[in-house]
N, C-alpha and C. Protein backbone atom coordinates (compact mmCIF):
# COMPACT_ATOMS: atom_id res chain seq x y z
N THR A 1 -12.29 11.54 2.52
CA THR A 1 -12.59 12.15 3.80
C THR A 1 -11.63 11.65 4.86
N CYS A 2 -11.37 10.34 4.87
CA CYS A 2 -10.46 9.77 5.87
C CYS A 2 -9.05 10.32 5.71
N ILE A 3 -8.61 10.51 4.47
CA ILE A 3 -7.28 11.07 4.24
C ILE A 3 -7.22 12.51 4.75
N ASP A 4 -8.29 13.27 4.54
CA ASP A 4 -8.33 14.64 5.05
C ASP A 4 -8.25 14.65 6.58
N ILE A 5 -8.94 13.73 7.21
CA ILE A 5 -8.89 13.63 8.68
C ILE A 5 -7.49 13.25 9.12
N LEU A 6 -6.87 12.28 8.43
CA LEU A 6 -5.51 11.87 8.77
C LEU A 6 -4.54 13.05 8.66
N LYS A 7 -4.66 13.82 7.59
CA LYS A 7 -3.78 14.99 7.42
C LYS A 7 -4.00 16.00 8.54
N ALA A 8 -5.26 16.20 8.93
CA ALA A 8 -5.56 17.13 10.02
C ALA A 8 -4.97 16.63 11.33
N LEU A 9 -5.05 15.34 11.56
CA LEU A 9 -4.44 14.75 12.76
C LEU A 9 -2.93 14.99 12.75
N GLN A 10 -2.32 14.75 11.61
CA GLN A 10 -0.87 14.90 11.48
C GLN A 10 -0.42 16.35 11.65
N LYS A 11 -1.25 17.29 11.21
CA LYS A 11 -0.93 18.71 11.35
C LYS A 11 -1.19 19.22 12.77
N GLY A 12 -1.86 18.42 13.58
CA GLY A 12 -2.14 18.84 14.94
C GLY A 12 -3.41 19.65 15.09
N GLU A 13 -4.27 19.60 14.08
CA GLU A 13 -5.50 20.37 14.12
C GLU A 13 -6.47 19.90 15.21
N PHE A 14 -6.26 18.71 15.73
CA PHE A 14 -7.09 18.18 16.81
C PHE A 14 -6.32 18.16 18.13
N GLY A 15 -5.22 18.89 18.16
CA GLY A 15 -4.43 18.97 19.38
C GLY A 15 -3.54 17.76 19.59
N GLU A 16 -2.90 17.75 20.74
CA GLU A 16 -1.97 16.66 21.07
C GLU A 16 -2.69 15.33 21.19
N SER A 17 -3.91 15.34 21.73
CA SER A 17 -4.64 14.08 21.86
C SER A 17 -4.96 13.50 20.48
N GLY A 18 -5.19 14.36 19.50
CA GLY A 18 -5.41 13.90 18.13
C GLY A 18 -4.16 13.26 17.54
N ARG A 19 -3.01 13.87 17.81
CA ARG A 19 -1.74 13.31 17.32
C ARG A 19 -1.50 11.91 17.90
N LYS A 20 -1.90 11.71 19.14
CA LYS A 20 -1.71 10.41 19.79
C LYS A 20 -2.60 9.33 19.18
N GLU A 21 -3.63 9.73 18.47
CA GLU A 21 -4.57 8.77 17.89
C GLU A 21 -4.29 8.44 16.42
N ILE A 22 -3.21 8.98 15.88
CA ILE A 22 -2.92 8.76 14.45
C ILE A 22 -2.80 7.28 14.13
N SER A 23 -2.02 6.55 14.90
CA SER A 23 -1.83 5.12 14.58
C SER A 23 -3.13 4.34 14.73
N ASN A 24 -3.92 4.67 15.74
CA ASN A 24 -5.22 3.99 15.90
C ASN A 24 -6.15 4.31 14.74
N PHE A 25 -6.17 5.57 14.33
CA PHE A 25 -7.00 5.98 13.20
C PHE A 25 -6.58 5.27 11.92
N LYS A 26 -5.28 5.23 11.68
CA LYS A 26 -4.77 4.55 10.49
C LYS A 26 -5.14 3.07 10.50
N GLU A 27 -5.04 2.43 11.66
CA GLU A 27 -5.37 1.01 11.77
C GLU A 27 -6.85 0.77 11.48
N LEU A 28 -7.71 1.60 12.04
CA LEU A 28 -9.15 1.45 11.79
C LEU A 28 -9.47 1.67 10.31
N CYS A 29 -8.86 2.69 9.72
CA CYS A 29 -9.09 2.94 8.29
C CYS A 29 -8.56 1.78 7.45
N HIS A 30 -7.42 1.25 7.85
CA HIS A 30 -6.83 0.13 7.11
C HIS A 30 -7.75 -1.10 7.17
N GLN A 31 -8.37 -1.32 8.31
CA GLN A 31 -9.30 -2.45 8.44
C GLN A 31 -10.49 -2.29 7.49
N ARG A 32 -10.95 -1.07 7.34
CA ARG A 32 -12.10 -0.80 6.46
C ARG A 32 -11.71 -0.74 4.99
N MET A 33 -10.49 -0.25 4.74
CA MET A 33 -10.01 -0.04 3.36
C MET A 33 -8.62 -0.64 3.23
N PRO A 34 -8.49 -1.97 3.19
CA PRO A 34 -7.18 -2.62 3.25
C PRO A 34 -6.25 -2.32 2.07
N HIS A 35 -6.76 -1.81 0.98
CA HIS A 35 -5.90 -1.54 -0.18
C HIS A 35 -5.48 -0.08 -0.28
N ALA A 36 -5.97 0.76 0.63
CA ALA A 36 -5.61 2.18 0.62
C ALA A 36 -4.24 2.36 1.27
N VAL A 37 -3.23 2.67 0.48
CA VAL A 37 -1.86 2.72 0.98
C VAL A 37 -1.63 3.83 2.01
N ASP A 38 -2.49 4.83 2.04
CA ASP A 38 -2.34 5.91 3.01
C ASP A 38 -2.47 5.41 4.44
N PHE A 39 -3.07 4.26 4.63
CA PHE A 39 -3.33 3.75 5.97
C PHE A 39 -2.47 2.54 6.31
N PHE A 40 -1.48 2.22 5.47
CA PHE A 40 -0.54 1.14 5.77
C PHE A 40 0.43 1.61 6.83
N SER A 41 0.84 0.70 7.67
CA SER A 41 1.94 1.00 8.59
C SER A 41 3.25 0.79 7.82
N GLY A 42 4.36 1.17 8.41
CA GLY A 42 5.65 0.99 7.75
C GLY A 42 5.92 -0.45 7.38
N GLN A 43 5.56 -1.38 8.28
CA GLN A 43 5.78 -2.80 8.02
C GLN A 43 4.91 -3.27 6.86
N GLN A 44 3.66 -2.80 6.82
CA GLN A 44 2.77 -3.21 5.74
C GLN A 44 3.27 -2.70 4.40
N VAL A 45 3.81 -1.50 4.37
CA VAL A 45 4.34 -0.95 3.14
C VAL A 45 5.52 -1.80 2.66
N ALA A 46 6.39 -2.19 3.58
CA ALA A 46 7.53 -3.04 3.21
C ALA A 46 7.05 -4.38 2.68
N LEU A 47 6.06 -4.97 3.33
CA LEU A 47 5.55 -6.25 2.86
C LEU A 47 4.91 -6.11 1.50
N THR A 48 4.14 -5.04 1.29
CA THR A 48 3.50 -4.83 0.01
C THR A 48 4.54 -4.59 -1.08
N THR A 49 5.55 -3.80 -0.78
CA THR A 49 6.61 -3.54 -1.75
C THR A 49 7.32 -4.83 -2.12
N ASN A 50 7.65 -5.64 -1.13
CA ASN A 50 8.30 -6.92 -1.40
C ASN A 50 7.39 -7.82 -2.20
N HIS A 51 6.11 -7.85 -1.86
CA HIS A 51 5.16 -8.69 -2.58
C HIS A 51 5.04 -8.22 -4.02
N ASN A 52 4.90 -6.91 -4.23
CA ASN A 52 4.78 -6.38 -5.59
C ASN A 52 6.03 -6.68 -6.40
N HIS A 53 7.21 -6.57 -5.78
CA HIS A 53 8.45 -6.88 -6.48
C HIS A 53 8.47 -8.35 -6.87
N ALA A 54 8.05 -9.23 -5.97
CA ALA A 54 8.04 -10.66 -6.26
C ALA A 54 7.07 -10.97 -7.40
N VAL A 55 5.90 -10.33 -7.39
CA VAL A 55 4.93 -10.55 -8.46
C VAL A 55 5.48 -10.05 -9.78
N GLU A 56 6.08 -8.85 -9.77
CA GLU A 56 6.65 -8.28 -10.98
C GLU A 56 7.77 -9.17 -11.53
N GLU A 57 8.62 -9.66 -10.65
CA GLU A 57 9.71 -10.54 -11.07
C GLU A 57 9.16 -11.84 -11.66
N SER A 58 8.14 -12.38 -11.03
CA SER A 58 7.53 -13.62 -11.52
C SER A 58 6.93 -13.41 -12.91
N LEU A 59 6.23 -12.29 -13.09
CA LEU A 59 5.64 -12.00 -14.39
C LEU A 59 6.71 -11.78 -15.45
N THR A 60 7.78 -11.09 -15.08
CA THR A 60 8.88 -10.86 -16.02
C THR A 60 9.50 -12.18 -16.45
N ASN A 61 9.73 -13.07 -15.48
CA ASN A 61 10.30 -14.37 -15.81
C ASN A 61 9.35 -15.17 -16.69
N HIS A 62 8.08 -15.10 -16.39
CA HIS A 62 7.09 -15.85 -17.16
C HIS A 62 7.04 -15.33 -18.59
N VAL A 63 7.00 -14.01 -18.76
CA VAL A 63 6.94 -13.42 -20.09
C VAL A 63 8.21 -13.73 -20.87
N SER A 64 9.37 -13.69 -20.22
CA SER A 64 10.61 -13.95 -20.94
C SER A 64 10.71 -15.40 -21.39
N ASN A 65 9.95 -16.28 -20.74
CA ASN A 65 9.96 -17.70 -21.12
C ASN A 65 8.96 -18.01 -22.23
N LEU A 66 8.12 -17.06 -22.56
CA LEU A 66 7.14 -17.28 -23.62
C LEU A 66 7.82 -17.21 -24.98
N THR A 67 7.31 -17.97 -25.92
CA THR A 67 7.81 -17.90 -27.29
C THR A 67 6.68 -17.46 -28.18
N VAL A 68 7.03 -16.76 -29.23
CA VAL A 68 6.02 -16.30 -30.18
C VAL A 68 5.94 -17.35 -31.27
N GLU A 69 4.74 -17.82 -31.48
CA GLU A 69 4.53 -18.82 -32.52
C GLU A 69 3.73 -18.15 -33.64
N ASP A 70 4.47 -17.58 -34.57
CA ASP A 70 3.80 -16.86 -35.67
C ASP A 70 3.91 -17.61 -37.00
N GLY A 71 4.37 -18.83 -36.92
CA GLY A 71 4.46 -19.64 -38.15
C GLY A 71 5.74 -19.42 -38.92
N THR A 72 6.66 -18.59 -38.43
CA THR A 72 7.89 -18.34 -39.17
C THR A 72 9.03 -19.20 -38.67
N ASN A 73 8.82 -20.03 -37.65
CA ASN A 73 9.89 -20.84 -37.08
C ASN A 73 10.12 -22.06 -37.91
């Protein structure tokens, strides 16, 4: 429902005053649903992307350091 409202705001279905409230609406939705990427600001998306990349890199490094012990060594 919130995404539908956001899209309507962005399309101008609530007029110019609705367009002016997009960032406020996104912030309120983000506070209620912090993991919903539709309500991230540009900075939050960059931070999340950087964080996800760091986690992925860490996992890749960890997995590459693992050895398989199957008794054939």
